[in-house]
Amino acid sequence: MRWPRLHQFDDNMRPDSEFQSGHLKFLCAGNRCRLMDARRTPGVIEAVSHEGFFRWRISAFEDKGEYWDVPLEHVTRYQFELDSSELSPDQVTILEEQIETLNQPLCIPVQQQRQSETKDRISQTEESVFAWLSENSRSIPSAVSPDSLSFEQTQAIANCLTAYMESFGLGEPERLTSRIYVLNPFSGEWIKGLQIACAELGLKEFRGTIPRTAHIFSGQGDKQLRQEYIIHRLAFVRALFSSFGLREVTLFRGMAAEGDWQAHSHRFFSSWSFSKEVAEAFVSNERAKHSYLLKRTFPVEKLFLTYIETAAMNRQYLEREAVILHDSLDELLW
């Protein structure tokens, strides 16, 4: 099977002059707006929640019909129709106060003892995953370049991951994590909960804000369940790449920004691609004030998700993506 065109695009998109900049006053259900990305993805405001999010339903392109739960203050990343409804000044003040209350900082530093224990567990689990793969999969090739795998091969490997996770009762955390990350890692707080669980395992410091979602650690989001998922997923990816004969990977990242340059921003994860051509596609934005194209080599221990074992990355977006655990060295770039 051939890999299709990277992204859908509207060649006849309307100019920015026909829209107005996003503001809290436009957070009225039914207002149409579009994201300030390169292709100006359109959608509609459906609701505003008491937890500090507005629900934005996508109305075009690959994710048509899906929704994002967006933090209220990120409304400035959208542009609205000129005839949009408006909230009253008092209603806007209530939203501003809500944002101030919710944006309390949270820092979870790395505890060295916990980090050492977690690394030992991942190493032990990696050995058992490698044995599991040897017994349960005949579809994993050896000594291959990650960018050379066919669609059918990645499907087969993703099926292996699904079977492995389900055998430990971790099928639903995998489905939620991969689906939400591909759709938008900043939609809602499932990924934030995952980051906090990583930090408490000692894998990486968390620097952000307190959770807004009341039940972020309930049900499938239970901290212990999240941490088991993290350990098994990291171990699976490391065992998988070990079976390829790889201890490091070469990745590419392309980015174009229309706004001001923001250096030294703190990230927990960052997205890259095994394909230089994919990274180059993200640089092509005529409106961009800033852009970059990077090539870096990472140890496989930094990989968290890749398109090779993640079914959700091979559906609507075929970016040959890899998600890494970001660290201080990476903060030099943006």
Protein backbone atom coordinates (compact mmCIF):
# COMPACT_ATOMS: atom_id res chain seq x y z
CA MET A 1 0.00 0.00 0.00
CA ARG A 2 1.27 3.49 -0.88
CA TRP A 3 1.34 6.20 1.77
CA PRO A 4 -1.23 8.90 0.79
CA ARG A 5 -0.84 12.71 0.79
CA LEU A 6 0.32 14.01 4.15
CA HIS A 7 -2.44 16.53 4.96
CA GLN A 8 -5.71 17.78 3.52
CA PHE A 9 -5.81 21.47 2.63
CA ASP A 10 -8.29 24.05 1.36
CA ASP A 11 -6.68 25.81 -1.59
CA ASN A 12 -9.51 28.37 -1.54
CA MET A 13 -9.41 29.30 2.13
CA ARG A 14 -10.76 32.73 3.02
CA PRO A 15 -8.28 35.48 3.93
CA ASP A 16 -7.60 36.45 7.54
CA SER A 17 -9.11 39.88 6.85
CA GLU A 18 -12.57 38.26 6.90
CA PHE A 19 -12.11 37.20 10.54
CA GLN A 20 -11.43 38.83 13.91
CA SER A 21 -8.88 37.82 16.54
CA GLY A 22 -9.95 35.41 19.27
CA HIS A 23 -11.08 36.78 22.63
CA LEU A 24 -12.90 35.37 25.66
CA LYS A 25 -15.98 37.37 24.71
CA PHE A 26 -16.47 35.12 21.67
CA LEU A 27 -16.82 31.92 23.74
CA CYS A 28 -20.51 31.52 22.92
CA ALA A 29 -21.96 28.18 21.81
CA GLY A 30 -22.52 28.22 18.07
CA ASN A 31 -19.81 30.70 17.16
CA ARG A 32 -17.77 29.59 14.16
CA CYS A 33 -14.01 30.06 14.26
CA ARG A 34 -10.84 28.62 12.82
CA LEU A 35 -7.52 27.62 14.32
CA MET A 36 -4.54 29.80 13.45
CA ASP A 37 -2.61 26.88 11.99
CA ALA A 38 -1.18 26.87 8.47
CA ARG A 39 -4.37 25.55 6.91
CA ARG A 40 -6.78 27.53 9.12
CA THR A 41 -8.72 24.49 10.34
CA PRO A 42 -12.39 25.50 10.82
CA GLY A 43 -14.72 24.52 13.63
CA VAL A 44 -17.45 25.68 15.98
CA ILE A 45 -17.68 26.46 19.72
CA GLU A 46 -20.02 23.89 21.29
CA ALA A 47 -19.84 24.62 25.01
CA VAL A 48 -17.83 26.13 27.87
CA SER A 49 -17.20 23.96 30.93
CA HIS A 50 -16.87 24.86 34.59
CA GLU A 51 -13.46 23.13 34.54
CA GLY A 52 -11.94 25.85 32.39
CA PHE A 53 -12.26 24.47 28.86
CA PHE A 54 -14.26 25.26 25.75
CA ARG A 55 -15.26 22.44 23.42
CA TRP A 56 -14.34 23.08 19.79
CA ARG A 57 -15.83 20.76 17.15
CA ILE A 58 -13.73 20.41 13.97
CA SER A 59 -15.69 20.88 10.75
CA ALA A 60 -13.19 20.00 8.00
CA PHE A 61 -10.12 17.94 7.05
CA GLU A 62 -9.01 14.60 8.50
CA ASP A 63 -10.50 15.12 11.97
CA LYS A 64 -13.89 16.41 10.81
CA GLY A 65 -16.47 15.65 13.49
CA GLU A 66 -13.93 15.23 16.30
CA TYR A 67 -13.64 17.75 19.14
CA TRP A 68 -10.96 19.31 21.30
CA ASP A 69 -11.38 20.49 24.89
CA VAL A 70 -9.31 23.66 24.83
CA PRO A 71 -8.18 25.76 27.85
CA LEU A 72 -10.19 28.99 27.93
CA GLU A 73 -7.12 31.22 27.61
CA HIS A 74 -6.15 29.56 24.33
CA VAL A 75 -9.08 31.22 22.56
CA THR A 76 -6.50 33.73 21.28
CA ARG A 77 -5.17 30.96 19.01
CA TYR A 78 -8.39 31.10 16.99
CA GLN A 79 -10.01 33.69 14.73
CA PHE A 80 -13.77 34.26 14.66
CA GLU A 81 -16.38 35.19 12.10
CA LEU A 82 -17.12 38.93 12.01
CA ASP A 83 -20.76 38.39 13.03
CA SER A 84 -19.91 36.25 16.09
CA SER A 85 -22.06 36.49 19.21
CA GLU A 86 -20.44 38.05 22.29
CA LEU A 87 -20.57 37.51 26.03
CA SER A 88 -21.31 40.42 28.32
CA PRO A 89 -18.39 42.15 30.10
CA ASP A 90 -19.50 40.57 33.39
CA GLN A 91 -19.42 37.10 31.81
CA VAL A 92 -15.92 37.76 30.46
CA THR A 93 -14.77 38.85 33.93
CA ILE A 94 -16.03 35.55 35.38
CA LEU A 95 -13.98 33.61 32.81
CA GLU A 96 -10.88 35.71 33.54
CA GLU A 97 -11.20 35.00 37.26
CA GLN A 98 -11.70 31.31 36.54
CA ILE A 99 -8.50 31.21 34.46
CA GLU A 100 -6.52 32.94 37.20
CA THR A 101 -7.76 30.43 39.79
CA LEU A 102 -6.98 27.41 37.62
CA ASN A 103 -3.53 28.46 36.44
CA GLN A 104 -1.76 27.68 39.71
CA PRO A 105 1.77 26.32 39.13
CA LEU A 106 2.66 22.70 39.87
CA CYS A 107 6.20 21.33 39.91
CA ILE A 108 7.07 17.69 40.57
CA PRO A 109 10.86 17.26 40.73
CA VAL A 110 12.64 14.02 39.96
CA GLN A 111 13.33 11.86 43.00
CA GLN A 112 16.56 9.99 42.34
CA GLN A 113 15.64 6.90 44.35
CA ARG A 114 12.33 6.55 42.52
CA GLN A 115 14.05 7.13 39.20
CA SER A 116 16.52 4.33 39.90
CA GLU A 117 13.73 1.93 40.89
CA THR A 118 11.72 2.79 37.78
CA LYS A 119 14.70 2.31 35.45
CA ASP A 120 15.30 -1.13 36.98
CA ARG A 121 11.64 -2.07 36.45
CA ILE A 122 11.68 -0.92 32.84
CA SER A 123 14.86 -2.92 32.16
CA GLN A 124 13.40 -6.05 33.73
CA THR A 125 10.15 -5.59 31.82
CA GLU A 126 12.05 -5.01 28.57
CA GLU A 127 13.64 -8.45 28.91
CA SER A 128 10.25 -10.09 29.38
CA VAL A 129 8.79 -8.14 26.43
CA PHE A 130 11.64 -9.27 24.19
CA ALA A 131 10.88 -12.88 25.14
CA TRP A 132 7.14 -12.27 24.58
CA LEU A 133 7.81 -10.88 21.11
CA SER A 134 9.96 -13.89 20.23
CA GLU A 135 7.14 -16.25 21.21
CA ASN A 136 4.12 -14.32 19.95
CA SER A 137 5.15 -12.53 16.78
CA ARG A 138 6.53 -13.72 13.49
CA SER A 139 5.72 -10.42 11.76
CA ILE A 140 8.47 -8.24 13.23
CA PRO A 141 11.38 -7.84 10.78
CA SER A 142 14.96 -7.61 11.99
CA ALA A 143 17.78 -5.28 10.99
CA VAL A 144 15.51 -2.75 9.28
CA SER A 145 15.42 1.02 8.92
CA PRO A 146 12.37 2.38 10.78
CA ASP A 147 11.51 4.61 7.83
CA SER A 148 11.42 1.66 5.42
CA LEU A 149 8.55 -0.25 7.04
CA SER A 150 5.41 -0.72 4.98
CA PHE A 151 1.90 0.16 6.14
CA GLU A 152 1.10 -3.55 6.47
CA GLN A 153 4.16 -4.14 8.65
CA THR A 154 3.29 -1.32 11.04
CA GLN A 155 -0.28 -2.65 11.28
CA ALA A 156 1.03 -6.07 12.27
CA ILE A 157 3.38 -4.59 14.88
CA ALA A 158 0.59 -2.39 16.27
CA ASN A 159 -1.55 -5.52 16.66
CA CYS A 160 1.28 -7.03 18.71
CA LEU A 161 1.33 -4.00 21.01
CA THR A 162 -2.43 -4.18 21.44
CA ALA A 163 -2.29 -7.87 22.34
CA TYR A 164 0.57 -7.29 24.76
CA MET A 165 -1.14 -4.38 26.51
CA GLU A 166 -4.44 -6.21 26.77
CA SER A 167 -2.70 -9.18 28.37
CA PHE A 168 -1.83 -6.86 31.29
CA GLY A 169 -5.19 -5.08 31.39
CA LEU A 170 -3.68 -1.96 29.81
CA GLY A 171 -5.56 -1.91 26.53
CA GLU A 172 -7.77 1.08 27.39
CA PRO A 173 -4.94 3.35 28.64
CA GLU A 174 -3.12 2.59 25.37
CA ARG A 175 -6.18 3.38 23.27
CA LEU A 176 -6.84 6.65 25.10
CA THR A 177 -3.22 7.79 25.10
CA SER A 178 -2.56 7.11 21.44
CA ARG A 179 -5.90 8.47 20.24
CA ILE A 180 -5.71 11.69 22.25
CA TYR A 181 -2.06 12.33 21.47
CA VAL A 182 -2.68 12.03 17.74
CA LEU A 183 -5.85 14.13 17.87
CA ASN A 184 -4.35 16.84 20.11
CA PRO A 185 -2.17 16.16 23.18
CA PHE A 186 -3.38 19.44 24.70
CA SER A 187 -7.06 18.54 24.44
CA GLY A 188 -8.39 17.99 27.94
CA GLU A 189 -5.98 16.60 30.54
CA TRP A 190 -5.47 12.93 29.81
CA ILE A 191 -1.90 13.61 28.66
CA LYS A 192 -1.26 15.94 31.60
CA GLY A 193 -2.25 13.09 33.92
CA LEU A 194 0.22 10.87 32.10
CA GLN A 195 2.97 13.46 32.53
CA ILE A 196 2.31 13.73 36.24
CA ALA A 197 2.45 9.93 36.55
CA CYS A 198 5.78 9.94 34.66
CA ALA A 199 7.15 12.59 37.00
CA GLU A 200 6.13 10.63 40.09
CA LEU A 201 7.94 7.61 38.62
CA GLY A 202 11.08 9.78 38.51
CA LEU A 203 11.33 9.73 34.71
CA LYS A 204 11.19 13.47 34.17
CA GLU A 205 10.37 16.64 36.07
CA PHE A 206 6.86 18.03 35.59
CA ARG A 207 6.51 21.79 35.38
CA GLY A 208 3.05 23.05 34.59
CA THR A 209 -0.21 23.88 36.30
CA ILE A 210 -2.51 22.02 38.65
CA PRO A 211 -5.10 19.70 37.06
CA ARG A 212 -8.41 21.30 36.11
CA THR A 213 -10.22 18.00 35.62
CA ALA A 214 -11.76 16.79 38.89
CA HIS A 215 -11.51 13.07 38.08
CA ILE A 216 -8.18 13.09 36.27
CA PHE A 217 -6.91 10.15 38.38
CA SER A 218 -10.12 8.13 38.54
CA GLY A 219 -11.09 5.00 36.61
CA GLN A 220 -8.76 4.34 33.69
CA GLY A 221 -6.78 7.40 34.81
CA ASP A 222 -5.85 5.84 38.17
CA LYS A 223 -2.23 6.77 38.94
CA GLN A 224 -1.08 3.22 39.58
CA LEU A 225 -2.68 2.06 36.33
CA ARG A 226 -1.10 4.95 34.44
CA GLN A 227 2.32 4.11 35.87
CA GLU A 228 2.01 0.43 34.97
CA TYR A 229 1.06 1.51 31.46
CA ILE A 230 4.06 3.85 31.19
CA ILE A 231 6.51 1.15 32.32
CA HIS A 232 5.12 -1.50 29.96
CA ARG A 233 4.94 0.89 27.01
CA LEU A 234 8.50 2.15 27.39
CA ALA A 235 9.70 -1.44 27.80
CA PHE A 236 7.80 -2.58 24.69
CA VAL A 237 9.27 0.18 22.51
CA ARG A 238 12.80 -0.53 23.72
CA ALA A 239 12.41 -4.27 23.16
CA LEU A 240 10.93 -3.63 19.71
CA PHE A 241 13.85 -1.46 18.60
CA SER A 242 16.28 -3.91 20.14
CA SER A 243 14.72 -6.57 17.90
CA PHE A 244 15.48 -4.23 14.96
CA GLY A 245 19.10 -4.15 16.10
CA LEU A 246 18.86 -0.43 17.01
CA ARG A 247 19.92 1.45 20.11
CA GLU A 248 19.48 4.91 18.61
CA VAL A 249 17.34 6.52 15.92
CA THR A 250 17.68 9.50 13.59
CA LEU A 251 14.69 11.81 13.66
CA PHE A 252 13.64 15.04 11.96
CA ARG A 253 11.49 17.95 13.08
CA GLY A 254 10.10 20.82 11.05
CA MET A 255 8.20 23.77 12.46
CA ALA A 256 6.92 27.10 11.17
CA ALA A 257 5.50 29.81 13.45
CA GLU A 258 3.52 32.87 12.46
CA GLY A 259 3.84 34.47 15.90
CA ASP A 260 6.80 35.57 17.96
CA TRP A 261 9.67 33.19 18.64
CA GLN A 262 9.39 31.48 22.03
CA ALA A 263 12.70 30.02 23.12
CA HIS A 264 13.37 27.82 26.15
CA SER A 265 9.74 26.74 26.53
CA HIS A 266 9.32 23.75 28.83
CA ARG A 267 7.85 20.70 27.15
CA PHE A 268 7.32 17.20 28.45
CA PHE A 269 7.02 15.44 25.09
CA SER A 270 7.96 16.58 21.61
CA SER A 271 7.01 15.16 18.23
CA TRP A 272 9.47 14.24 15.50
CA SER A 273 9.42 12.17 12.32
CA PHE A 274 11.53 9.35 10.92
CA SER A 275 11.05 11.03 7.53
CA LYS A 276 12.90 14.16 6.43
CA GLU A 277 10.23 14.76 3.77
CA VAL A 278 7.50 14.85 6.42
CA ALA A 279 9.49 17.33 8.53
CA GLU A 280 10.01 19.53 5.48
CA ALA A 281 6.24 19.62 4.91
CA PHE A 282 5.79 21.33 8.28
CA VAL A 283 8.21 24.10 7.30
CA SER A 284 6.21 25.11 4.21
CA ASN A 285 4.13 28.04 5.48
CA GLU A 286 4.36 31.29 3.56
CA ARG A 287 2.94 33.25 6.52
CA ALA A 288 5.64 32.02 8.92
CA LYS A 289 7.91 34.52 10.64
CA HIS A 290 10.14 31.73 11.91
CA SER A 291 10.84 28.16 10.83
CA TYR A 292 13.37 25.43 11.35
CA LEU A 293 14.26 21.97 10.10
CA LEU A 294 16.23 19.77 12.48
CA LYS A 295 17.92 16.40 12.36
CA ARG A 296 18.91 14.71 15.61
CA THR A 297 19.93 11.29 16.82
CA PHE A 298 18.26 10.00 19.99
CA PRO A 299 18.80 6.88 22.09
CA VAL A 300 15.77 4.60 21.91
CA GLU A 301 15.33 5.10 25.68
CA LYS A 302 13.85 8.54 24.88
CA LEU A 303 11.10 7.11 22.65
CA PHE A 304 7.60 6.94 24.08
CA LEU A 305 5.33 6.52 21.03
CA THR A 306 6.23 5.80 17.41
CA TYR A 307 4.18 5.20 14.29
CA ILE A 308 5.68 1.72 14.06
CA GLU A 309 3.71 0.24 16.98
CA THR A 310 0.95 2.86 17.38
CA ALA A 311 -2.15 2.15 15.28
CA ALA A 312 -3.62 5.64 15.82
CA MET A 313 -0.61 7.19 14.08
CA ASN A 314 -1.37 5.28 10.89
CA ARG A 315 -4.98 6.32 10.32
CA GLN A 316 -5.74 9.88 9.29
CA TYR A 317 -2.23 11.31 9.78
CA LEU A 318 0.66 9.40 8.23
CA GLU A 319 3.56 11.45 9.55
CA ARG A 320 5.86 8.56 10.52
CA GLU A 321 5.87 10.18 13.91
CA ALA A 322 7.97 9.58 16.99
CA VAL A 323 7.19 11.12 20.39
CA ILE A 324 10.18 11.57 22.67
CA LEU A 325 10.63 12.48 26.31
CA HIS A 326 11.83 16.06 25.98
CA ASP A 327 14.74 17.17 28.17
CA SER A 328 16.83 20.27 28.93
CA LEU A 329 19.04 19.77 25.89
CA ASP A 330 15.99 20.06 23.66
CA GLU A 331 14.95 23.37 25.26
CA LEU A 332 17.74 25.11 23.36
CA LEU A 333 15.70 24.79 20.18
CA TRP A 334 12.39 26.48 21.05
